[in-house]
Amino acid sequence: MNYALISENIKKQFKKSKRIVHALKGINLQIREGEIYGLLGPNGSGKSTFIRIASTLLIPDTGSIKIFGYDVVKEATKVQRLINRVSAEASFFKKLSAMENLLFAAGIHGISKKEALEKIYDISEKVGLDRKRLNDPLEDFSRGMQQKVAIARAFMTEPRLMLLDEPTTGLDPRAKREVQSLILQMRENMGATILLTTHDMEEAERLCDYVAIIHRGRIIIKGRTSELKTMIAHKVTNPTFEDVFMEFTGISFDEAEYEEAESA
């Protein structure tokens, strides 16, 4: 079995005002190569903190994450060559065109202009970006289109592991569906392993092969989406992921969102 990511006992705390916030309380995950793995939980549950550690942006207090066998702290440079990250709020030079933003990103990674142009046209086709709009300013793009550009930019480096941190947050329903379809295409057309964080239970169920539910910095339950619903089928007729969350956390998802917001 080949694993893209293995985390062991990841803990992280932050000092806010005069108190300590325990963001992660011992996270253990194993993500198989080639799958879409969902980290599902309310805002403030620790999802983004885990992504930042996996992407070498934060150092854990204890524990380790290995990506394709490389430690994210001790071998950060090697890990950075294997991953890329897309967040809910992708940063761009909004006055510049999509093409200019993509060429700039290519240049940072040492990709020649000739090779970059080939990559841009190839990736744009795969992610559904209209070539005719590549020279339009990013500020004229919808949020959904901007996320497509962000994902295209991430694939310039041909990452083996894509870290998607709430990529559909704030999108209108149509744009959300387009980005969700794109995520499925990424695995199909580009062979990427994907770690997706989301607080959208329908999104997790639609996209993910395997899901871990995180609450208060801990993994509560994990398994294949169908397996998790089957586990409570004797209690609930036609169970939803909302039912799964409530069964294993003891509270509704809305209550968990409120609880996490109050403790932030």
Protein backbone atom coordinates (compact mmCIF):
# COMPACT_ATOMS: atom_id res chain seq x y z
CA MET A 1 0.00 0.00 0.00
CA ASN A 2 1.46 3.35 -1.07
CA TYR A 3 0.64 6.33 1.14
CA ALA A 4 0.79 9.96 0.04
CA LEU A 5 0.54 11.27 3.60
CA ILE A 6 0.95 9.75 7.05
CA SER A 7 0.48 11.87 10.15
CA GLU A 8 1.21 10.66 13.67
CA ASN A 9 0.04 12.38 16.85
CA ILE A 10 0.03 15.91 15.43
CA LYS A 11 -0.59 18.49 18.15
CA LYS A 12 -0.63 22.26 17.85
CA GLN A 13 -1.60 25.01 20.25
CA PHE A 14 -1.76 28.79 19.94
CA LYS A 15 -1.75 31.55 22.51
CA LYS A 16 -4.69 33.92 22.05
CA SER A 17 -4.89 36.86 24.42
CA LYS A 18 -4.18 35.26 27.78
CA ARG A 19 -5.35 31.74 27.02
CA ILE A 20 -4.07 28.69 25.20
CA VAL A 21 -6.10 27.29 22.30
CA HIS A 22 -5.45 23.62 21.53
CA ALA A 23 -6.05 23.57 17.78
CA LEU A 24 -4.97 19.96 17.17
CA LYS A 25 -4.95 17.28 19.85
CA GLY A 26 -3.18 14.29 18.33
CA ILE A 27 -4.15 13.82 14.67
CA ASN A 28 -3.42 10.47 13.01
CA LEU A 29 -4.22 10.13 9.30
CA GLN A 30 -3.17 7.83 6.48
CA ILE A 31 -3.98 9.01 2.97
CA ARG A 32 -3.54 6.51 0.16
CA GLU A 33 -1.95 7.62 -3.07
CA GLY A 34 -4.53 8.53 -5.71
CA GLU A 35 -7.54 9.10 -3.46
CA ILE A 36 -9.57 12.15 -2.52
CA TYR A 37 -9.48 12.35 1.27
CA GLY A 38 -11.88 14.66 3.07
CA LEU A 39 -11.19 16.33 6.40
CA LEU A 40 -14.72 17.32 7.41
CA GLY A 41 -15.56 19.57 10.32
CA PRO A 42 -17.03 22.89 11.42
CA ASN A 43 -15.11 26.13 11.08
CA GLY A 44 -12.52 26.32 13.85
CA SER A 45 -12.21 22.56 14.27
CA GLY A 46 -8.53 22.45 13.24
CA LYS A 47 -8.79 21.61 9.53
CA SER A 48 -6.83 24.58 8.21
CA THR A 49 -4.19 24.24 10.92
CA PHE A 50 -3.55 20.68 9.79
CA ILE A 51 -3.31 21.79 6.14
CA ARG A 52 -0.80 24.53 7.06
CA ILE A 53 1.38 22.00 8.87
CA ALA A 54 1.16 19.55 5.96
CA SER A 55 2.15 22.33 3.55
CA THR A 56 5.21 23.26 5.68
CA LEU A 57 3.77 26.66 6.70
CA LEU A 58 3.49 25.73 10.40
CA ILE A 59 5.58 23.52 12.65
CA PRO A 60 3.69 21.08 14.89
CA ASP A 61 4.32 21.11 18.63
CA THR A 62 4.55 17.32 18.65
CA GLY A 63 4.17 14.51 16.14
CA SER A 64 5.16 14.17 12.51
CA ILE A 65 3.73 14.28 9.01
CA LYS A 66 5.43 12.45 6.18
CA ILE A 67 4.49 13.13 2.57
CA PHE A 68 5.64 10.41 0.19
CA GLY A 69 8.10 9.45 2.92
CA TYR A 70 9.55 12.92 3.51
CA ASP A 71 9.15 14.69 6.85
CA VAL A 72 7.42 18.07 6.47
CA VAL A 73 9.69 19.69 9.06
CA LYS A 74 13.06 18.00 8.53
CA GLU A 75 12.76 17.72 4.75
CA ALA A 76 10.53 20.69 3.98
CA THR A 77 12.25 21.58 0.69
CA LYS A 78 11.67 18.09 -0.71
CA VAL A 79 8.05 18.15 0.45
CA GLN A 80 7.44 21.54 -1.18
CA ARG A 81 8.41 20.06 -4.56
CA LEU A 82 5.71 17.41 -4.21
CA ILE A 83 2.75 19.50 -3.04
CA ASN A 84 0.74 22.60 -3.76
CA ARG A 85 -2.03 24.30 -1.84
CA VAL A 86 -5.22 26.15 -2.78
CA SER A 87 -7.18 28.03 -0.11
CA ALA A 88 -10.60 29.67 -0.03
CA GLU A 89 -9.06 33.09 -0.64
CA ALA A 90 -6.46 32.67 -3.37
CA SER A 91 -4.01 35.57 -3.67
CA PHE A 92 -3.51 37.17 -7.08
CA PHE A 93 -2.35 40.34 -8.74
CA LYS A 94 -5.92 41.29 -9.58
CA LYS A 95 -5.00 44.02 -12.08
CA LEU A 96 -2.96 41.53 -14.12
CA SER A 97 -4.43 38.96 -16.47
CA ALA A 98 -4.81 35.26 -15.72
CA MET A 99 -1.97 34.60 -18.18
CA GLU A 100 0.32 37.10 -16.47
CA ASN A 101 -0.43 35.63 -13.04
CA LEU A 102 0.24 32.10 -14.30
CA LEU A 103 3.49 33.11 -16.03
CA PHE A 104 4.64 34.87 -12.87
CA ALA A 105 3.98 31.72 -10.82
CA ALA A 106 5.86 29.64 -13.40
CA GLY A 107 8.82 31.97 -13.22
CA ILE A 108 9.02 31.67 -9.44
CA HIS A 109 9.35 27.90 -9.86
CA GLY A 110 12.04 28.20 -12.52
CA ILE A 111 9.81 27.15 -15.43
CA SER A 112 10.84 28.68 -18.77
CA LYS A 113 8.32 30.83 -20.62
CA LYS A 114 8.07 28.33 -23.48
CA GLU A 115 7.38 25.43 -21.13
CA ALA A 116 5.04 27.59 -19.02
CA LEU A 117 2.90 28.50 -22.04
CA GLU A 118 2.59 24.83 -22.99
CA LYS A 119 1.57 23.99 -19.42
CA ILE A 120 -0.89 26.88 -19.20
CA TYR A 121 -2.74 25.89 -22.37
CA ASP A 122 -2.78 22.22 -21.40
CA ILE A 123 -3.92 22.80 -17.82
CA SER A 124 -6.44 25.47 -18.84
CA GLU A 125 -8.12 22.95 -21.10
CA LYS A 126 -8.22 20.36 -18.32
CA VAL A 127 -9.72 22.73 -15.77
CA GLY A 128 -12.18 24.35 -18.15
CA LEU A 129 -10.61 27.80 -18.44
CA ASP A 130 -11.59 29.57 -21.66
CA ARG A 131 -8.42 30.43 -23.60
CA LYS A 132 -10.08 33.60 -24.85
CA ARG A 133 -10.26 34.90 -21.28
CA LEU A 134 -6.68 34.17 -20.27
CA ASN A 135 -5.68 37.73 -21.16
CA ASP A 136 -8.51 39.34 -19.16
CA PRO A 137 -7.71 40.95 -15.77
CA LEU A 138 -8.35 38.68 -12.79
CA GLU A 139 -10.52 41.39 -11.24
CA ASP A 140 -13.03 40.78 -14.04
CA PHE A 141 -13.32 37.08 -13.18
CA SER A 142 -16.02 35.59 -10.99
CA ARG A 143 -14.95 33.91 -7.73
CA GLY A 144 -15.48 30.52 -9.34
CA MET A 145 -13.28 31.45 -12.29
CA GLN A 146 -10.62 32.80 -9.96
CA GLN A 147 -10.58 29.48 -8.12
CA LYS A 148 -10.09 27.69 -11.43
CA VAL A 149 -7.10 29.94 -12.10
CA ALA A 150 -5.79 29.18 -8.59
CA ILE A 151 -6.06 25.45 -9.23
CA ALA A 152 -4.44 25.83 -12.67
CA ARG A 153 -1.63 27.78 -11.01
CA ALA A 154 -1.17 25.03 -8.43
CA PHE A 155 -0.85 22.41 -11.17
CA MET A 156 1.96 24.35 -12.88
CA THR A 157 4.35 22.47 -10.59
CA GLU A 158 2.68 19.10 -11.27
CA PRO A 159 2.13 18.31 -7.56
CA ARG A 160 1.69 14.71 -6.49
CA LEU A 161 -0.39 15.88 -3.52
CA MET A 162 -2.86 18.75 -3.79
CA LEU A 163 -3.97 20.37 -0.54
CA LEU A 164 -7.36 22.04 -1.01
CA ASP A 165 -8.37 24.13 2.00
CA GLU A 166 -12.09 24.98 1.75
CA PRO A 167 -11.80 25.69 -2.01
CA THR A 168 -15.55 26.25 -2.53
CA THR A 169 -16.24 28.49 0.48
CA GLY A 170 -18.07 31.67 -0.51
CA LEU A 171 -18.84 30.52 -4.05
CA ASP A 172 -22.33 30.76 -5.52
CA PRO A 173 -24.06 27.40 -6.17
CA ARG A 174 -23.11 27.24 -9.84
CA ALA A 175 -19.44 28.09 -9.22
CA LYS A 176 -19.35 25.59 -6.36
CA ARG A 177 -20.58 22.80 -8.64
CA GLU A 178 -18.02 23.75 -11.28
CA VAL A 179 -15.12 23.65 -8.81
CA GLN A 180 -16.38 20.36 -7.34
CA SER A 181 -16.50 18.83 -10.82
CA LEU A 182 -13.00 20.15 -11.40
CA ILE A 183 -11.73 18.41 -8.26
CA LEU A 184 -13.01 15.09 -9.59
CA GLN A 185 -11.36 15.80 -12.95
CA MET A 186 -8.06 16.60 -11.22
CA ARG A 187 -7.86 13.10 -9.86
CA GLU A 188 -9.07 11.57 -13.14
CA ASN A 189 -6.98 13.59 -15.62
CA MET A 190 -3.91 14.51 -13.59
CA GLY A 191 -3.49 11.55 -11.25
CA ALA A 192 -3.25 13.75 -8.16
CA THR A 193 -3.85 12.69 -4.60
CA ILE A 194 -6.10 15.28 -2.96
CA LEU A 195 -6.60 16.27 0.67
CA LEU A 196 -9.77 18.37 0.85
CA THR A 197 -10.90 20.26 3.93
CA THR A 198 -14.56 21.24 4.00
CA HIS A 199 -17.43 22.06 6.31
CA ASP A 200 -19.91 21.15 3.56
CA MET A 201 -21.20 17.64 4.27
CA GLU A 202 -22.80 17.20 0.85
CA GLU A 203 -19.49 18.18 -0.73
CA ALA A 204 -17.58 15.63 1.34
CA GLU A 205 -20.04 12.91 0.45
CA ARG A 206 -19.98 13.76 -3.25
CA LEU A 207 -16.23 14.12 -3.71
CA CYS A 208 -14.39 12.01 -1.18
CA ASP A 209 -13.36 8.39 -1.22
CA TYR A 210 -12.54 8.54 2.47
CA VAL A 211 -13.56 11.01 5.18
CA ALA A 212 -12.29 11.88 8.63
CA ILE A 213 -14.59 13.95 10.86
CA ILE A 214 -12.66 16.43 12.99
CA HIS A 215 -14.19 18.19 16.00
CA ARG A 216 -12.48 20.21 18.74
CA GLY A 217 -9.08 19.32 17.30
CA ARG A 218 -9.62 15.56 17.37
CA ILE A 219 -10.54 12.97 14.75
CA ILE A 220 -13.87 11.57 15.90
CA ILE A 221 -14.42 8.91 13.23
CA LYS A 222 -13.02 8.06 9.82
CA GLY A 223 -13.96 5.72 7.02
CA ARG A 224 -15.34 5.47 3.52
CA THR A 225 -18.38 7.66 3.01
CA SER A 226 -20.69 4.69 2.42
CA GLU A 227 -19.29 2.83 5.44
CA LEU A 228 -19.93 5.73 7.80
CA LYS A 229 -23.59 5.90 6.83
CA THR A 230 -23.93 2.12 7.01
CA MET A 231 -22.63 2.21 10.59
CA ILE A 232 -25.75 4.11 11.72
CA ALA A 233 -28.29 2.65 9.27
CA HIS A 234 -29.79 0.52 12.04
CA LYS A 235 -30.65 3.71 13.92
CA VAL A 236 -31.59 6.11 11.12
CA THR A 237 -33.50 5.45 7.90
CA ASN A 238 -31.61 6.77 4.86
CA PRO A 239 -28.93 8.43 7.01
CA THR A 240 -27.24 11.63 5.86
CA PHE A 241 -23.80 12.93 6.79
CA GLU A 242 -25.54 15.28 9.22
CA ASP A 243 -26.82 12.15 10.99
CA VAL A 244 -23.32 10.64 10.93
CA PHE A 245 -21.84 13.78 12.48
CA MET A 246 -24.49 13.93 15.21
CA GLU A 247 -24.14 10.23 16.03
CA PHE A 248 -20.41 10.41 16.64
CA THR A 249 -20.07 13.89 18.15
CA GLY A 250 -23.32 14.05 20.11
CA ILE A 251 -24.30 17.45 18.70
CA SER A 252 -25.60 18.81 15.40
CA PHE A 253 -23.27 20.40 12.87
CA ASP A 254 -24.83 23.84 13.45
CA GLU A 255 -24.29 23.48 17.20
CA ALA A 256 -20.68 22.49 16.58
CA GLU A 257 -20.14 25.56 14.36
CA TYR A 258 -21.51 27.79 17.13
CA GLU A 259 -19.43 26.03 19.77
CA GLU A 260 -16.20 26.40 17.77
CA ALA A 261 -16.94 30.08 17.07
CA GLU A 262 -17.51 30.75 20.79
CA SER A 263 -14.23 29.08 21.76
CA ALA A 264 -12.13 30.79 19.03
